Amino acid sequence: MGFLRPKMPAPPPPPPPMPMLPPASPEEFTSQQVKRVKKAMIDKKKGYTETILTSTQGDESEADTYQKTLLGA
């Protein structure tokens, strides 16, 4: 009985678009900021490659396909 239920409220309006920021140029950074950014990039790359646990050929281990059954137990 759909006529007994109240109508759904209207969805909220979409948020306003984000303001455009000017692009950062390398000349604006201090040498300390440049070092910090380079270190962060190296750490980020290192963290990503250390999470890959398989080789380029994929997982080569045998799959565990044996399932115990209740029949004849």
PDB file of N, CA and C in Angstrom:
ATOM      1  N   MET A   1       0.827  -1.163   0.000  1.00  0.00           N
ATOM      2  CA  MET A   1       0.000   0.000   0.000  1.00  0.00           C
ATOM      3  C   MET A   1       0.880   1.236   0.000  1.00  0.00           C
ATOM      4  N   GLY A   2       1.263   1.663  -1.133  1.00  0.00           N
ATOM      5  CA  GLY A   2       2.162   2.783  -1.269  1.00  0.00           C
ATOM      6  C   GLY A   2       1.550   4.123  -0.927  1.00  0.00           C
ATOM      7  N   PHE A   3       0.219   4.220  -0.950  1.00  0.00           N
ATOM      8  CA  PHE A   3      -0.396   5.519  -0.683  1.00  0.00           C
ATOM      9  C   PHE A   3      -0.400   5.852   0.813  1.00  0.00           C
ATOM     10  N   LEU A   4      -0.111   4.885   1.689  1.00  0.00           N
ATOM     11  CA  LEU A   4      -0.094   5.142   3.124  1.00  0.00           C
ATOM     12  C   LEU A   4       1.255   5.655   3.615  1.00  0.00           C
ATOM     13  N   ARG A   5       2.277   5.450   2.842  1.00  0.00           N
ATOM     14  CA  ARG A   5       3.611   5.894   3.244  1.00  0.00           C
ATOM     15  C   ARG A   5       3.843   7.333   2.832  1.00  0.00           C
ATOM     16  N   PRO A   6       4.632   8.082   3.636  1.00  0.00           N
ATOM     17  CA  PRO A   6       4.941   9.461   3.216  1.00  0.00           C
ATOM     18  C   PRO A   6       5.892   9.464   2.024  1.00  0.00           C
ATOM     19  N   LYS A   7       5.864  10.541   1.297  1.00  0.00           N
ATOM     20  CA  LYS A   7       6.739  10.666   0.123  1.00  0.00           C
ATOM     21  C   LYS A   7       8.184  10.839   0.575  1.00  0.00           C
ATOM     22  N   MET A   8       9.084  10.385  -0.253  1.00  0.00           N
ATOM     23  CA  MET A   8      10.514  10.522   0.033  1.00  0.00           C
ATOM     24  C   MET A   8      10.898  11.999  -0.060  1.00  0.00           C
ATOM     25  N   PRO A   9      11.757  12.466   0.849  1.00  0.00           N
ATOM     26  CA  PRO A   9      12.205  13.859   0.735  1.00  0.00           C
ATOM     27  C   PRO A   9      13.128  14.018  -0.460  1.00  0.00           C
ATOM     28  N   ALA A  10      13.192  15.223  -0.968  1.00  0.00           N
ATOM     29  CA  ALA A  10      14.053  15.497  -2.126  1.00  0.00           C
ATOM     30  C   ALA A  10      15.515  15.364  -1.715  1.00  0.00           C
ATOM     31  N   PRO A  11      16.376  14.840  -2.588  1.00  0.00           N
ATOM     32  CA  PRO A  11      17.793  14.724  -2.237  1.00  0.00           C
ATOM     33  C   PRO A  11      18.420  16.110  -2.081  1.00  0.00           C
ATOM     34  N   PRO A  12      19.469  16.201  -1.275  1.00  0.00           N
ATOM     35  CA  PRO A  12      20.107  17.510  -1.102  1.00  0.00           C
ATOM     36  C   PRO A  12      20.771  17.962  -2.404  1.00  0.00           C
ATOM     37  N   PRO A  13      20.940  19.248  -2.590  1.00  0.00           N
ATOM     38  CA  PRO A  13      21.574  19.720  -3.829  1.00  0.00           C
ATOM     39  C   PRO A  13      23.048  19.298  -3.856  1.00  0.00           C
ATOM     40  N   PRO A  14      23.606  19.132  -5.042  1.00  0.00           N
ATOM     41  CA  PRO A  14      25.013  18.731  -5.129  1.00  0.00           C
ATOM     42  C   PRO A  14      25.911  19.833  -4.569  1.00  0.00           C
ATOM     43  N   PRO A  15      27.065  19.448  -4.025  1.00  0.00           N
ATOM     44  CA  PRO A  15      27.966  20.464  -3.475  1.00  0.00           C
ATOM     45  C   PRO A  15      28.529  21.342  -4.597  1.00  0.00           C
ATOM     46  N   PRO A  16      28.895  22.563  -4.270  1.00  0.00           N
ATOM     47  CA  PRO A  16      29.463  23.435  -5.309  1.00  0.00           C
ATOM     48  C   PRO A  16      30.819  22.897  -5.766  1.00  0.00           C
ATOM     49  N   PRO A  17      31.207  23.181  -6.997  1.00  0.00           N
ATOM     50  CA  PRO A  17      32.495  22.677  -7.493  1.00  0.00           C
ATOM     51  C   PRO A  17      33.657  23.295  -6.708  1.00  0.00           C
ATOM     52  N   MET A  18      34.726  22.511  -6.594  1.00  0.00           N
ATOM     53  CA  MET A  18      35.917  22.979  -5.889  1.00  0.00           C
ATOM     54  C   MET A  18      36.587  24.096  -6.681  1.00  0.00           C
ATOM     55  N   PRO A  19      37.138  25.094  -6.004  1.00  0.00           N
ATOM     56  CA  PRO A  19      37.815  26.176  -6.736  1.00  0.00           C
ATOM     57  C   PRO A  19      39.107  25.657  -7.374  1.00  0.00           C
ATOM     58  N   MET A  20      39.442  26.198  -8.508  1.00  0.00           N
ATOM     59  CA  MET A  20      40.657  25.795  -9.206  1.00  0.00           C
ATOM     60  C   MET A  20      41.864  26.416  -8.506  1.00  0.00           C
ATOM     61  N   LEU A  21      42.831  25.584  -8.158  1.00  0.00           N
ATOM     62  CA  LEU A  21      44.045  26.056  -7.519  1.00  0.00           C
ATOM     63  C   LEU A  21      45.117  26.283  -8.576  1.00  0.00           C
ATOM     64  N   PRO A  22      45.960  27.261  -8.401  1.00  0.00           N
ATOM     65  CA  PRO A  22      47.036  27.450  -9.379  1.00  0.00           C
ATOM     66  C   PRO A  22      48.033  26.296  -9.256  1.00  0.00           C
ATOM     67  N   PRO A  23      48.589  25.842 -10.362  1.00  0.00           N
ATOM     68  CA  PRO A  23      49.542  24.735 -10.296  1.00  0.00           C
ATOM     69  C   PRO A  23      50.823  25.163  -9.562  1.00  0.00           C
ATOM     70  N   ALA A  24      51.354  24.252  -8.784  1.00  0.00           N
ATOM     71  CA  ALA A  24      52.594  24.534  -8.056  1.00  0.00           C
ATOM     72  C   ALA A  24      53.778  24.333  -8.999  1.00  0.00           C
ATOM     73  N   SER A  25      54.676  25.272  -9.012  1.00  0.00           N
ATOM     74  CA  SER A  25      55.864  25.142  -9.847  1.00  0.00           C
ATOM     75  C   SER A  25      57.055  24.819  -8.948  1.00  0.00           C
ATOM     76  N   PRO A  26      58.034  24.081  -9.461  1.00  0.00           N
ATOM     77  CA  PRO A  26      59.191  23.707  -8.644  1.00  0.00           C
ATOM     78  C   PRO A  26      59.978  24.894  -8.101  1.00  0.00           C
ATOM     79  N   GLU A  27      59.891  26.043  -8.756  1.00  0.00           N
ATOM     80  CA  GLU A  27      60.644  27.202  -8.294  1.00  0.00           C
ATOM     81  C   GLU A  27      60.104  27.732  -6.968  1.00  0.00           C
ATOM     82  N   GLU A  28      58.843  27.437  -6.646  1.00  0.00           N
ATOM     83  CA  GLU A  28      58.226  27.948  -5.427  1.00  0.00           C
ATOM     84  C   GLU A  28      58.618  27.154  -4.176  1.00  0.00           C
ATOM     85  N   PHE A  29      59.185  25.961  -4.352  1.00  0.00           N
ATOM     86  CA  PHE A  29      59.537  25.115  -3.208  1.00  0.00           C
ATOM     87  C   PHE A  29      60.932  25.467  -2.690  1.00  0.00           C
ATOM     88  N   THR A  30      61.098  25.320  -1.380  1.00  0.00           N
ATOM     89  CA  THR A  30      62.427  25.470  -0.796  1.00  0.00           C
ATOM     90  C   THR A  30      63.162  24.150  -0.973  1.00  0.00           C
ATOM     91  N   SER A  31      64.465  24.160  -0.752  1.00  0.00           N
ATOM     92  CA  SER A  31      65.236  22.923  -0.930  1.00  0.00           C
ATOM     93  C   SER A  31      64.801  21.866   0.074  1.00  0.00           C
ATOM     94  N   GLN A  32      64.390  22.295   1.265  1.00  0.00           N
ATOM     95  CA  GLN A  32      63.942  21.335   2.270  1.00  0.00           C
ATOM     96  C   GLN A  32      62.626  20.682   1.833  1.00  0.00           C
ATOM     97  N   GLN A  33      61.728  21.447   1.249  1.00  0.00           N
ATOM     98  CA  GLN A  33      60.470  20.894   0.771  1.00  0.00           C
ATOM     99  C   GLN A  33      60.701  19.933  -0.390  1.00  0.00           C
ATOM    100  N   VAL A  34      61.649  20.269  -1.274  1.00  0.00           N
ATOM    101  CA  VAL A  34      61.957  19.399  -2.407  1.00  0.00           C
ATOM    102  C   VAL A  34      62.491  18.061  -1.894  1.00  0.00           C
ATOM    103  N   LYS A  35      63.386  18.090  -0.900  1.00  0.00           N
ATOM    104  CA  LYS A  35      63.915  16.849  -0.335  1.00  0.00           C
ATOM    105  C   LYS A  35      62.805  16.014   0.285  1.00  0.00           C
ATOM    106  N   ARG A  36      61.896  16.692   0.998  1.00  0.00           N
ATOM    107  CA  ARG A  36      60.808  15.979   1.660  1.00  0.00           C
ATOM    108  C   ARG A  36      59.884  15.320   0.630  1.00  0.00           C
ATOM    109  N   VAL A  37      59.598  16.012  -0.460  1.00  0.00           N
ATOM    110  CA  VAL A  37      58.728  15.472  -1.497  1.00  0.00           C
ATOM    111  C   VAL A  37      59.399  14.282  -2.189  1.00  0.00           C
ATOM    112  N   LYS A  38      60.682  14.402  -2.491  1.00  0.00           N
ATOM    113  CA  LYS A  38      61.393  13.295  -3.140  1.00  0.00           C
ATOM    114  C   LYS A  38      61.440  12.067  -2.240  1.00  0.00           C
ATOM    115  N   LYS A  39      61.674  12.276  -0.935  1.00  0.00           N
ATOM    116  CA  LYS A  39      61.707  11.156   0.009  1.00  0.00           C
ATOM    117  C   LYS A  39      60.333  10.502   0.098  1.00  0.00           C
ATOM    118  N   ALA A  40      59.275  11.311   0.105  1.00  0.00           N
ATOM    119  CA  ALA A  40      57.919  10.766   0.172  1.00  0.00           C
ATOM    120  C   ALA A  40      57.608   9.940  -1.073  1.00  0.00           C
ATOM    121  N   MET A  41      58.062  10.405  -2.239  1.00  0.00           N
ATOM    122  CA  MET A  41      57.826   9.654  -3.476  1.00  0.00           C
ATOM    123  C   MET A  41      58.564   8.325  -3.457  1.00  0.00           C
ATOM    124  N   ILE A  42      59.809   8.330  -2.968  1.00  0.00           N
ATOM    125  CA  ILE A  42      60.588   7.089  -2.893  1.00  0.00           C
ATOM    126  C   ILE A  42      59.931   6.124  -1.922  1.00  0.00           C
ATOM    127  N   ASP A  43      59.493   6.619  -0.756  1.00  0.00           N
ATOM    128  CA  ASP A  43      58.841   5.760   0.225  1.00  0.00           C
ATOM    129  C   ASP A  43      57.538   5.192  -0.322  1.00  0.00           C
ATOM    130  N   LYS A  44      56.797   5.994  -1.067  1.00  0.00           N
ATOM    131  CA  LYS A  44      55.532   5.536  -1.626  1.00  0.00           C
ATOM    132  C   LYS A  44      55.762   4.438  -2.667  1.00  0.00           C
ATOM    133  N   LYS A  45      56.745   4.618  -3.523  1.00  0.00           N
ATOM    134  CA  LYS A  45      57.077   3.590  -4.517  1.00  0.00           C
ATOM    135  C   LYS A  45      57.512   2.315  -3.829  1.00  0.00           C
ATOM    136  N   LYS A  46      58.343   2.449  -2.819  1.00  0.00           N
ATOM    137  CA  LYS A  46      58.870   1.294  -2.097  1.00  0.00           C
ATOM    138  C   LYS A  46      57.731   0.531  -1.426  1.00  0.00           C
ATOM    139  N   GLY A  47      56.798   1.244  -0.814  1.00  0.00           N
ATOM    140  CA  GLY A  47      55.682   0.603  -0.152  1.00  0.00           C
ATOM    141  C   GLY A  47      54.794  -0.155  -1.120  1.00  0.00           C
ATOM    142  N   TYR A  48      54.610   0.370  -2.321  1.00  0.00           N
ATOM    143  CA  TYR A  48      53.760  -0.293  -3.305  1.00  0.00           C
ATOM    144  C   TYR A  48      54.403  -1.577  -3.799  1.00  0.00           C
ATOM    145  N   THR A  49      55.682  -1.540  -4.103  1.00  0.00           N
ATOM    146  CA  THR A  49      56.327  -2.728  -4.650  1.00  0.00           C
ATOM    147  C   THR A  49      56.518  -3.806  -3.598  1.00  0.00           C
ATOM    148  N   GLU A  50      56.576  -3.445  -2.337  1.00  0.00           N
ATOM    149  CA  GLU A  50      56.737  -4.459  -1.293  1.00  0.00           C
ATOM    150  C   GLU A  50      55.437  -5.182  -0.980  1.00  0.00           C
ATOM    151  N   THR A  51      54.306  -4.687  -1.450  1.00  0.00           N
ATOM    152  CA  THR A  51      53.049  -5.364  -1.192  1.00  0.00           C
ATOM    153  C   THR A  51      52.728  -6.419  -2.238  1.00  0.00           C
ATOM    154  N   ILE A  52      53.448  -6.448  -3.342  1.00  0.00           N
ATOM    155  CA  ILE A  52      53.212  -7.449  -4.379  1.00  0.00           C
ATOM    156  C   ILE A  52      53.925  -8.728  -3.951  1.00  0.00           C
ATOM    157  N   LEU A  53      53.133  -9.781  -3.686  1.00  0.00           N
ATOM    158  CA  LEU A  53      53.701 -10.997  -3.122  1.00  0.00           C
ATOM    159  C   LEU A  53      53.914 -12.106  -4.142  1.00  0.00           C
ATOM    160  N   THR A  54      53.441 -11.943  -5.355  1.00  0.00           N
ATOM    161  CA  THR A  54      53.628 -12.985  -6.351  1.00  0.00           C
ATOM    162  C   THR A  54      54.684 -12.551  -7.363  1.00  0.00           C
ATOM    163  N   SER A  55      55.151 -13.518  -8.114  1.00  0.00           N
ATOM    164  CA  SER A  55      56.140 -13.210  -9.143  1.00  0.00           C
ATOM    165  C   SER A  55      55.418 -12.720 -10.389  1.00  0.00           C
ATOM    166  N   THR A  56      56.176 -12.495 -11.445  1.00  0.00           N
ATOM    167  CA  THR A  56      55.563 -12.053 -12.693  1.00  0.00           C
ATOM    168  C   THR A  56      54.751 -13.165 -13.343  1.00  0.00           C
ATOM    169  N   GLN A  57      54.958 -14.410 -12.912  1.00  0.00           N
ATOM    170  CA  GLN A  57      54.231 -15.538 -13.489  1.00  0.00           C
ATOM    171  C   GLN A  57      52.979 -15.878 -12.688  1.00  0.00           C
ATOM    172  N   GLY A  58      52.723 -15.178 -11.599  1.00  0.00           N
ATOM    173  CA  GLY A  58      51.528 -15.423 -10.815  1.00  0.00           C
ATOM    174  C   GLY A  58      51.784 -16.392  -9.677  1.00  0.00           C
ATOM    175  N   ASP A  59      50.731 -16.828  -9.056  1.00  0.00           N
ATOM    176  CA  ASP A  59      50.801 -17.765  -7.942  1.00  0.00           C
ATOM    177  C   ASP A  59      50.995 -19.160  -8.505  1.00  0.00           C
ATOM    178  N   GLU A  60      52.118 -19.794  -8.183  1.00  0.00           N
ATOM    179  CA  GLU A  60      52.435 -21.100  -8.737  1.00  0.00           C
ATOM    180  C   GLU A  60      52.196 -22.236  -7.750  1.00  0.00           C
ATOM    181  N   SER A  61      51.641 -21.963  -6.586  1.00  0.00           N
ATOM    182  CA  SER A  61      51.402 -23.021  -5.609  1.00  0.00           C
ATOM    183  C   SER A  61      50.166 -23.826  -5.999  1.00  0.00           C
ATOM    184  N   GLU A  62      50.081 -25.043  -5.462  1.00  0.00           N
ATOM    185  CA  GLU A  62      48.944 -25.895  -5.747  1.00  0.00           C
ATOM    186  C   GLU A  62      47.719 -25.394  -4.997  1.00  0.00           C
ATOM    187  N   ALA A  63      46.587 -25.441  -5.653  1.00  0.00           N
ATOM    188  CA  ALA A  63      45.348 -25.016  -5.020  1.00  0.00           C
ATOM    189  C   ALA A  63      44.832 -26.128  -4.121  1.00  0.00           C
ATOM    190  N   ASP A  64      44.300 -25.778  -2.958  1.00  0.00           N
ATOM    191  CA  ASP A  64      43.745 -26.743  -2.027  1.00  0.00           C
ATOM    192  C   ASP A  64      42.312 -27.021  -2.453  1.00  0.00           C
ATOM    193  N   THR A  65      42.087 -28.127  -3.193  1.00  0.00           N
ATOM    194  CA  THR A  65      40.772 -28.418  -3.735  1.00  0.00           C
ATOM    195  C   THR A  65      40.073 -29.551  -3.012  1.00  0.00           C
ATOM    196  N   TYR A  66      40.710 -30.178  -2.029  1.00  0.00           N
ATOM    197  CA  TYR A  66      40.093 -31.284  -1.309  1.00  0.00           C
ATOM    198  C   TYR A  66      39.079 -30.747  -0.321  1.00  0.00           C
ATOM    199  N   GLN A  67      37.869 -31.312  -0.355  1.00  0.00           N
ATOM    200  CA  GLN A  67      36.841 -30.912   0.582  1.00  0.00           C
ATOM    201  C   GLN A  67      36.373 -32.133   1.352  1.00  0.00           C
ATOM    202  N   LYS A  68      36.252 -32.010   2.656  1.00  0.00           N
ATOM    203  CA  LYS A  68      35.745 -33.105   3.465  1.00  0.00           C
ATOM    204  C   LYS A  68      34.243 -33.205   3.253  1.00  0.00           C
ATOM    205  N   THR A  69      33.750 -34.429   3.226  1.00  0.00           N
ATOM    206  CA  THR A  69      32.309 -34.649   3.081  1.00  0.00           C
ATOM    207  C   THR A  69      31.810 -35.413   4.292  1.00  0.00           C
ATOM    208  N   LEU A  70      30.549 -35.340   4.547  1.00  0.00           N
ATOM    209  CA  LEU A  70      29.952 -36.081   5.648  1.00  0.00           C
ATOM    210  C   LEU A  70      29.583 -37.490   5.256  1.00  0.00           C
ATOM    211  N   LEU A  71      29.565 -37.786   3.964  1.00  0.00           N
ATOM    212  CA  LEU A  71      29.203 -39.109   3.497  1.00  0.00           C
ATOM    213  C   LEU A  71      30.321 -40.095   3.810  1.00  0.00           C
ATOM    214  N   GLY A  72      29.992 -41.178   4.473  1.00  0.00           N
ATOM    215  CA  GLY A  72      30.965 -42.226   4.758  1.00  0.00           C
ATOM    216  C   GLY A  72      31.949 -41.847   5.837  1.00  0.00           C
ATOM    217  N   ALA A  73      31.662 -40.848   6.621  1.00  0.00           N
ATOM    218  CA  ALA A  73      32.587 -40.419   7.660  1.00  0.00           C
ATOM    219  C   ALA A  73      32.484 -41.293   8.873  1.00  0.00           C
TER     220      ALA A  73
END
